[in-house]
C-alpha atoms as a PDB file:
ATOM      1  CA  UNK A   1      28.585 -36.893-108.893  1.00  0.00           C
ATOM      2  CA  UNK A   2      31.038 -34.111-107.931  1.00  0.00           C
ATOM      3  CA  UNK A   3      34.768 -34.730-108.309  1.00  0.00           C
ATOM      4  CA  UNK A   4      35.189 -35.038-104.534  1.00  0.00           C
ATOM      5  CA  UNK A   5      32.726 -37.951-104.451  1.00  0.00           C
ATOM      6  CA  UNK A   6      34.359 -39.576-107.459  1.00  0.00           C
ATOM      7  CA  UNK A   7      37.716 -39.319-105.705  1.00  0.00           C
ATOM      8  CA  UNK A   8      36.277 -40.902-102.552  1.00  0.00           C
ATOM      9  CA  UNK A   9      34.863 -43.851-104.504  1.00  0.00           C
ATOM     10  CA  UNK A  10      38.133 -44.392-106.348  1.00  0.00           C
ATOM     11  CA  UNK A  11      40.212 -43.996-103.207  1.00  0.00           C
ATOM     12  CA  UNK A  12      42.352 -41.239-104.739  1.00  0.00           C
ATOM     13  CA  UNK A  13      42.753 -37.505-104.308  1.00  0.00           C
ATOM     14  CA  UNK A  14      40.583 -34.902-105.999  1.00  0.00           C
ATOM     15  CA  UNK A  15      43.663 -33.723-107.872  1.00  0.00           C
ATOM     16  CA  UNK A  16      44.114 -37.219-109.308  1.00  0.00           C
ATOM     17  CA  UNK A  17      40.518 -37.235-110.560  1.00  0.00           C
ATOM     18  CA  UNK A  18      41.055 -33.802-112.109  1.00  0.00           C
ATOM     19  CA  UNK A  19      44.095 -35.211-113.929  1.00  0.00           C
ATOM     20  CA  UNK A  20      42.061 -38.177-115.193  1.00  0.00           C
ATOM     21  CA  UNK A  21      39.384 -35.805-116.480  1.00  0.00           C
ATOM     22  CA  UNK A  22      41.968 -33.553-118.134  1.00  0.00           C
ATOM     23  CA  UNK A  23      43.605 -36.514-119.885  1.00  0.00           C
ATOM     24  CA  UNK A  24      40.261 -37.840-121.127  1.00  0.00           C
ATOM     25  CA  UNK A  25      40.439 -41.079-119.125  1.00  0.00           C
ATOM     26  CA  UNK A  26      37.290 -40.043-117.255  1.00  0.00           C
ATOM     27  CA  UNK A  27      34.586 -38.043-119.001  1.00  0.00           C
ATOM     28  CA  UNK A  28      32.966 -35.263-116.992  1.00  0.00           C
ATOM     29  CA  UNK A  29      30.648 -32.396-117.809  1.00  0.00           C
ATOM     30  CA  UNK A  30      30.465 -28.944-116.334  1.00  0.00           C
ATOM     31  CA  UNK A  31      27.215 -27.910-114.675  1.00  0.00           C
ATOM     32  CA  UNK A  32      27.288 -24.384-113.338  1.00  0.00           C
ATOM     33  CA  UNK A  33      30.527 -23.938-111.457  1.00  0.00           C
ATOM     34  CA  UNK A  34      31.377 -27.578-110.879  1.00  0.00           C
ATOM     35  CA  UNK A  35      32.387 -30.651-112.853  1.00  0.00           C
ATOM     36  CA  UNK A  36      30.224 -33.763-112.540  1.00  0.00           C
ATOM     37  CA  UNK A  37      31.144 -37.361-113.379  1.00  0.00           C
ATOM     38  CA  UNK A  38      28.268 -39.639-114.482  1.00  0.00           C
ATOM     39  CA  UNK A  39      28.028 -42.740-112.281  1.00  0.00           C
ATOM     40  CA  UNK A  40      28.184 -45.025-115.345  1.00  0.00           C
ATOM     41  CA  UNK A  41      31.435 -43.395-116.449  1.00  0.00           C
ATOM     42  CA  UNK A  42      32.979 -44.004-113.042  1.00  0.00           C
ATOM     43  CA  UNK A  43      31.867 -47.659-113.033  1.00  0.00           C
ATOM     44  CA  UNK A  44      33.370 -48.124-116.498  1.00  0.00           C
ATOM     45  CA  UNK A  45      36.673 -46.609-115.397  1.00  0.00           C
ATOM     46  CA  UNK A  46      36.783 -48.836-112.312  1.00  0.00           C
ATOM     47  CA  UNK A  47      36.142 -51.893-114.478  1.00  0.00           C
ATOM     48  CA  UNK A  48      38.835 -51.155-117.053  1.00  0.00           C
ATOM     49  CA  UNK A  49      41.609 -49.327-115.196  1.00  0.00           C
ATOM     50  CA  UNK A  50      44.877 -51.102-114.371  1.00  0.00           C
ATOM     51  CA  UNK A  51      45.045 -51.751-110.656  1.00  0.00           C
ATOM     52  CA  UNK A  52      48.799 -52.155-110.331  1.00  0.00           C
ATOM     53  CA  UNK A  53      50.987 -49.089-110.927  1.00  0.00           C
ATOM     54  CA  UNK A  54      53.494 -49.118-113.731  1.00  0.00           C
ATOM     55  CA  UNK A  55      53.982 -47.974-117.280  1.00  0.00           C
ATOM     56  CA  UNK A  56      50.922 -48.806-119.412  1.00  0.00           C
ATOM     57  CA  UNK A  57      51.334 -50.968-122.484  1.00  0.00           C
ATOM     58  CA  UNK A  58      51.682 -49.398-125.904  1.00  0.00           C
ATOM     59  CA  UNK A  59      49.364 -50.557-128.682  1.00  0.00           C
ATOM     60  CA  UNK A  60      52.175 -52.774-129.941  1.00  0.00           C
ATOM     61  CA  UNK A  61      52.701 -54.297-126.511  1.00  0.00           C
ATOM     62  CA  UNK A  62      48.977 -54.790-125.971  1.00  0.00           C
ATOM     63  CA  UNK A  63      48.541 -56.687-129.248  1.00  0.00           C
ATOM     64  CA  UNK A  64      51.588 -58.810-128.473  1.00  0.00           C
ATOM     65  CA  UNK A  65      50.044 -59.744-125.131  1.00  0.00           C
ATOM     66  CA  UNK A  66      46.712 -60.498-126.808  1.00  0.00           C
ATOM     67  CA  UNK A  67      48.588 -62.900-129.097  1.00  0.00           C
ATOM     68  CA  UNK A  68      49.836 -64.749-126.021  1.00  0.00           C
ATOM     69  CA  UNK A  69      46.321 -64.781-124.570  1.00  0.00           C
ATOM     70  CA  UNK A  70      44.978 -66.366-127.744  1.00  0.00           C
ATOM     71  CA  UNK A  71      47.614 -69.112-127.625  1.00  0.00           C
ATOM     72  CA  UNK A  72      47.219 -69.968-123.945  1.00  0.00           C
ATOM     73  CA  UNK A  73      44.566 -68.265-121.863  1.00  0.00           C
ATOM     74  CA  UNK A  74      44.933 -67.915-118.055  1.00  0.00           C
ATOM     75  CA  UNK A  75      43.273 -70.542-115.900  1.00  0.00           C
ATOM     76  CA  UNK A  76      42.198 -68.233-113.067  1.00  0.00           C
ATOM     77  CA  UNK A  77      39.674 -65.423-113.078  1.00  0.00           C
ATOM     78  CA  UNK A  78      42.039 -62.898-111.405  1.00  0.00           C
ATOM     79  CA  UNK A  79      44.736 -63.540-114.017  1.00  0.00           C
ATOM     80  CA  UNK A  80      42.250 -63.150-116.850  1.00  0.00           C
ATOM     81  CA  UNK A  81      40.926 -59.915-115.352  1.00  0.00           C
ATOM     82  CA  UNK A  82      44.450 -58.556-114.904  1.00  0.00           C
ATOM     83  CA  UNK A  83      45.338 -59.196-118.541  1.00  0.00           C
ATOM     84  CA  UNK A  84      42.041 -57.701-119.742  1.00  0.00           C
ATOM     85  CA  UNK A  85      42.847 -54.479-117.929  1.00  0.00           C
ATOM     86  CA  UNK A  86      46.453 -54.434-119.173  1.00  0.00           C
ATOM     87  CA  UNK A  87      45.547 -54.761-122.857  1.00  0.00           C
ATOM     88  CA  UNK A  88      42.962 -51.962-122.806  1.00  0.00           C
ATOM     89  CA  UNK A  89      45.499 -49.686-124.634  1.00  0.00           C
ATOM     90  CA  UNK A  90      45.141 -51.944-127.729  1.00  0.00           C
ATOM     91  CA  UNK A  91      43.004 -49.150-129.183  1.00  0.00           C
ATOM     92  CA  UNK A  92      41.493 -45.769-128.507  1.00  0.00           C
ATOM     93  CA  UNK A  93      37.915 -46.617-127.560  1.00  0.00           C
ATOM     94  CA  UNK A  94      35.173 -44.235-128.735  1.00  0.00           C
ATOM     95  CA  UNK A  95      31.484 -44.785-127.942  1.00  0.00           C
ATOM     96  CA  UNK A  96      29.069 -43.231-130.436  1.00  0.00           C
ATOM     97  CA  UNK A  97      25.424 -43.227-131.397  1.00  0.00           C
ATOM     98  CA  UNK A  98      24.360 -43.621-135.020  1.00  0.00           C
ATOM     99  CA  UNK A  99      20.904 -43.826-136.536  1.00  0.00           C
ATOM    100  CA  UNK A 100      19.815 -47.497-136.358  1.00  0.00           C
ATOM    101  CA  UNK A 101      19.330 -47.504-140.119  1.00  0.00           C
ATOM    102  CA  UNK A 102      23.076 -46.934-140.542  1.00  0.00           C
ATOM    103  CA  UNK A 103      24.112 -50.078-138.654  1.00  0.00           C
ATOM    104  CA  UNK A 104      23.710 -52.342-141.695  1.00  0.00           C
ATOM    105  CA  UNK A 105      26.012 -50.053-143.661  1.00  0.00           C
ATOM    106  CA  UNK A 106      28.703 -50.377-141.023  1.00  0.00           C
ATOM    107  CA  UNK A 107      28.262 -54.147-140.887  1.00  0.00           C
ATOM    108  CA  UNK A 108      28.700 -54.339-144.665  1.00  0.00           C
ATOM    109  CA  UNK A 109      31.923 -52.317-144.670  1.00  0.00           C
ATOM    110  CA  UNK A 110      34.911 -53.993-146.305  1.00  0.00           C
ATOM    111  CA  UNK A 111      37.482 -51.984-144.343  1.00  0.00           C
ATOM    112  CA  UNK A 112      36.179 -52.285-140.775  1.00  0.00           C
ATOM    113  CA  UNK A 113      36.635 -55.355-138.574  1.00  0.00           C
ATOM    114  CA  UNK A 114      33.652 -56.420-136.491  1.00  0.00           C
ATOM    115  CA  UNK A 115      34.133 -57.608-132.930  1.00  0.00           C
ATOM    116  CA  UNK A 116      31.968 -58.114-129.846  1.00  0.00           C
ATOM    117  CA  UNK A 117      28.586 -59.765-130.397  1.00  0.00           C
ATOM    118  CA  UNK A 118      28.952 -59.744-134.188  1.00  0.00           C
ATOM    119  CA  UNK A 119      32.155 -61.796-134.036  1.00  0.00           C
ATOM    120  CA  UNK A 120      30.549 -64.167-131.531  1.00  0.00           C
ATOM    121  CA  UNK A 121      27.483 -64.702-133.735  1.00  0.00           C
ATOM    122  CA  UNK A 122      29.715 -65.288-136.784  1.00  0.00           C
ATOM    123  CA  UNK A 123      31.484 -68.054-134.831  1.00  0.00           C
ATOM    124  CA  UNK A 124      28.191 -69.684-133.849  1.00  0.00           C
ATOM    125  CA  UNK A 125      28.117 -68.558-130.225  1.00  0.00           C
ATOM    126  CA  UNK A 126      24.466 -68.416-129.057  1.00  0.00           C
ATOM    127  CA  UNK A 127      24.108 -64.682-128.420  1.00  0.00           C
ATOM    128  CA  UNK A 128      21.925 -62.056-130.084  1.00  0.00           C
ATOM    129  CA  UNK A 129      23.230 -59.143-132.080  1.00  0.00           C
ATOM    130  CA  UNK A 130      23.213 -55.891-130.144  1.00  0.00           C
ATOM    131  CA  UNK A 131      25.604 -52.976-129.897  1.00  0.00           C
ATOM    132  CA  UNK A 132      28.166 -52.978-132.678  1.00  0.00           C
ATOM    133  CA  UNK A 133      31.904 -53.219-131.948  1.00  0.00           C
ATOM    134  CA  UNK A 134      34.194 -52.274-134.824  1.00  0.00           C
ATOM    135  CA  UNK A 135      37.936 -51.840-135.256  1.00  0.00           C
ATOM    136  CA  UNK A 136      38.964 -48.977-137.501  1.00  0.00           C
ATOM    137  CA  UNK A 137      42.284 -47.530-138.624  1.00  0.00           C
ATOM    138  CA  UNK A 138      43.208 -44.165-137.120  1.00  0.00           C
ATOM    139  CA  UNK A 139      43.550 -42.614-140.584  1.00  0.00           C
ATOM    140  CA  UNK A 140      39.902 -43.495-141.361  1.00  0.00           C
ATOM    141  CA  UNK A 141      38.105 -42.558-138.153  1.00  0.00           C
ATOM    142  CA  UNK A 142      37.371 -38.885-138.919  1.00  0.00           C
ATOM    143  CA  UNK A 143      35.875 -39.660-142.329  1.00  0.00           C
ATOM    144  CA  UNK A 144      33.856 -42.547-140.896  1.00  0.00           C
ATOM    145  CA  UNK A 145      32.342 -40.458-138.104  1.00  0.00           C
ATOM    146  CA  UNK A 146      31.421 -37.741-140.576  1.00  0.00           C
ATOM    147  CA  UNK A 147      29.969 -40.203-143.095  1.00  0.00           C
ATOM    148  CA  UNK A 148      27.627 -41.931-140.654  1.00  0.00           C
ATOM    149  CA  UNK A 149      26.975 -38.763-138.627  1.00  0.00           C
ATOM    150  CA  UNK A 150      28.090 -40.453-135.434  1.00  0.00           C
ATOM    151  CA  UNK A 151      27.622 -38.554-132.181  1.00  0.00           C
ATOM    152  CA  UNK A 152      30.013 -39.306-129.350  1.00  0.00           C
ATOM    153  CA  UNK A 153      28.046 -40.173-126.223  1.00  0.00           C
ATOM    154  CA  UNK A 154      28.616 -41.561-122.766  1.00  0.00           C
ATOM    155  CA  UNK A 155      25.425 -43.479-122.008  1.00  0.00           C
ATOM    156  CA  UNK A 156      23.452 -43.954-125.251  1.00  0.00           C
ATOM    157  CA  UNK A 157      26.054 -45.539-127.534  1.00  0.00           C
ATOM    158  CA  UNK A 158      25.050 -48.245-129.988  1.00  0.00           C
ATOM    159  CA  UNK A 159      28.434 -48.422-131.744  1.00  0.00           C
ATOM    160  CA  UNK A 160      31.767 -48.911-130.016  1.00  0.00           C
ATOM    161  CA  UNK A 161      34.686 -47.891-132.216  1.00  0.00           C
ATOM    162  CA  UNK A 162      38.139 -49.231-131.399  1.00  0.00           C
ATOM    163  CA  UNK A 163      40.705 -47.068-133.178  1.00  0.00           C
ATOM    164  CA  UNK A 164      44.118 -48.586-133.915  1.00  0.00           C
ATOM    165  CA  UNK A 165      47.126 -46.752-135.311  1.00  0.00           C
ATOM    166  CA  UNK A 166      47.667 -47.671-138.947  1.00  0.00           C
ATOM    167  CA  UNK A 167      51.147 -49.072-138.299  1.00  0.00           C
ATOM    168  CA  UNK A 168      49.825 -51.307-135.497  1.00  0.00           C
ATOM    169  CA  UNK A 169      46.817 -52.718-137.384  1.00  0.00           C
ATOM    170  CA  UNK A 170      46.683 -56.375-136.252  1.00  0.00           C
ATOM    171  CA  UNK A 171      44.190 -57.795-138.755  1.00  0.00           C
ATOM    172  CA  UNK A 172      44.728 -59.503-142.101  1.00  0.00           C
ATOM    173  CA  UNK A 173      43.641 -57.635-145.273  1.00  0.00           C
ATOM    174  CA  UNK A 174      40.620 -59.876-145.851  1.00  0.00           C
ATOM    175  CA  UNK A 175      39.719 -60.305-142.174  1.00  0.00           C
ATOM    176  CA  UNK A 176      36.234 -59.050-141.354  1.00  0.00           C
ATOM    177  CA  UNK A 177      35.835 -60.360-137.785  1.00  0.00           C
ATOM    178  CA  UNK A 178      38.113 -60.129-134.777  1.00  0.00           C
ATOM    179  CA  UNK A 179      39.149 -63.277-132.951  1.00  0.00           C
ATOM    180  CA  UNK A 180      36.873 -64.516-130.192  1.00  0.00           C
ATOM    181  CA  UNK A 181      39.365 -63.448-127.539  1.00  0.00           C
ATOM    182  CA  UNK A 182      39.372 -59.893-128.857  1.00  0.00           C
ATOM    183  CA  UNK A 183      35.569 -60.026-129.029  1.00  0.00           C
ATOM    184  CA  UNK A 184      35.501 -61.160-125.398  1.00  0.00           C
ATOM    185  CA  UNK A 185      37.804 -58.320-124.332  1.00  0.00           C
ATOM    186  CA  UNK A 186      35.509 -55.760-125.950  1.00  0.00           C
ATOM    187  CA  UNK A 187      32.375 -57.246-124.407  1.00  0.00           C
ATOM    188  CA  UNK A 188      33.837 -57.722-120.944  1.00  0.00           C
ATOM    189  CA  UNK A 189      35.297 -54.204-120.881  1.00  0.00           C
ATOM    190  CA  UNK A 190      31.782 -52.794-120.902  1.00  0.00           C
ATOM    191  CA  UNK A 191      30.307 -55.670-118.866  1.00  0.00           C
ATOM    192  CA  UNK A 192      28.065 -56.934-121.648  1.00  0.00           C
ATOM    193  CA  UNK A 193      26.390 -60.134-120.424  1.00  0.00           C
ATOM    194  CA  UNK A 194      27.281 -61.856-123.701  1.00  0.00           C
ATOM    195  CA  UNK A 195      30.898 -61.915-122.475  1.00  0.00           C
ATOM    196  CA  UNK A 196      30.110 -64.790-120.102  1.00  0.00           C
ATOM    197  CA  UNK A 197      28.581 -66.899-122.876  1.00  0.00           C
ATOM    198  CA  UNK A 198      31.563 -66.218-125.104  1.00  0.00           C
ATOM    199  CA  UNK A 199      34.039 -67.090-122.343  1.00  0.00           C
ATOM    200  CA  UNK A 200      32.301 -70.443-121.911  1.00  0.00           C
ATOM    201  CA  UNK A 201      32.832 -71.139-125.632  1.00  0.00           C
ATOM    202  CA  UNK A 202      36.503 -70.194-125.311  1.00  0.00           C
ATOM    203  CA  UNK A 203      37.156 -72.964-122.834  1.00  0.00           C
ATOM    204  CA  UNK A 204      35.046 -72.624-119.773  1.00  0.00           C
ATOM    205  CA  UNK A 205      35.097 -70.185-116.931  1.00  0.00           C
ATOM    206  CA  UNK A 206      38.420 -69.634-115.225  1.00  0.00           C
ATOM    207  CA  UNK A 207      38.743 -70.605-111.583  1.00  0.00           C
ATOM    208  CA  UNK A 208      38.087 -67.884-109.018  1.00  0.00           C
END
């Protein structure tokens, strides 16, 4: 859709959408003389953006808030949704496509931390494996993308890379799977239906 339509759906000005595109928060592509925003990209932005104005969390602040979430999760759906949006800056999120034959290599990596469906399956949650969520250190992302020949994509991703600054890395040296709350955040951010099953395992659905 054109930027004017994207602005109308978001309830903001065209200039604001242009700023979001320039900053990389919304991906757009140029066709002829105009910029177009894929509908799926706009839906993703609406689902993950912070609704209340204010300074966004740093990676450090986001991981600190995730620690609080893991100790005592909110008991209402709006509160849980608000926190999910706030902690989105925990990583730089990159969606890529890799050849399906490479997925087992990524899953066997000793330096990457699996999240999403993989972490849920490891914990015995009854979901199937699907797209792969992985946390990776910022210093390793360029080499990883080159090694597996990953192609950044908007709509055909099968691997979701969550890039964390080296000095903010929240996982233990031998940890290979993210916590179930982190796995839920990653799944719910992209509206994967496995998020609901995982939330049930984490203590039942929050009240509306």
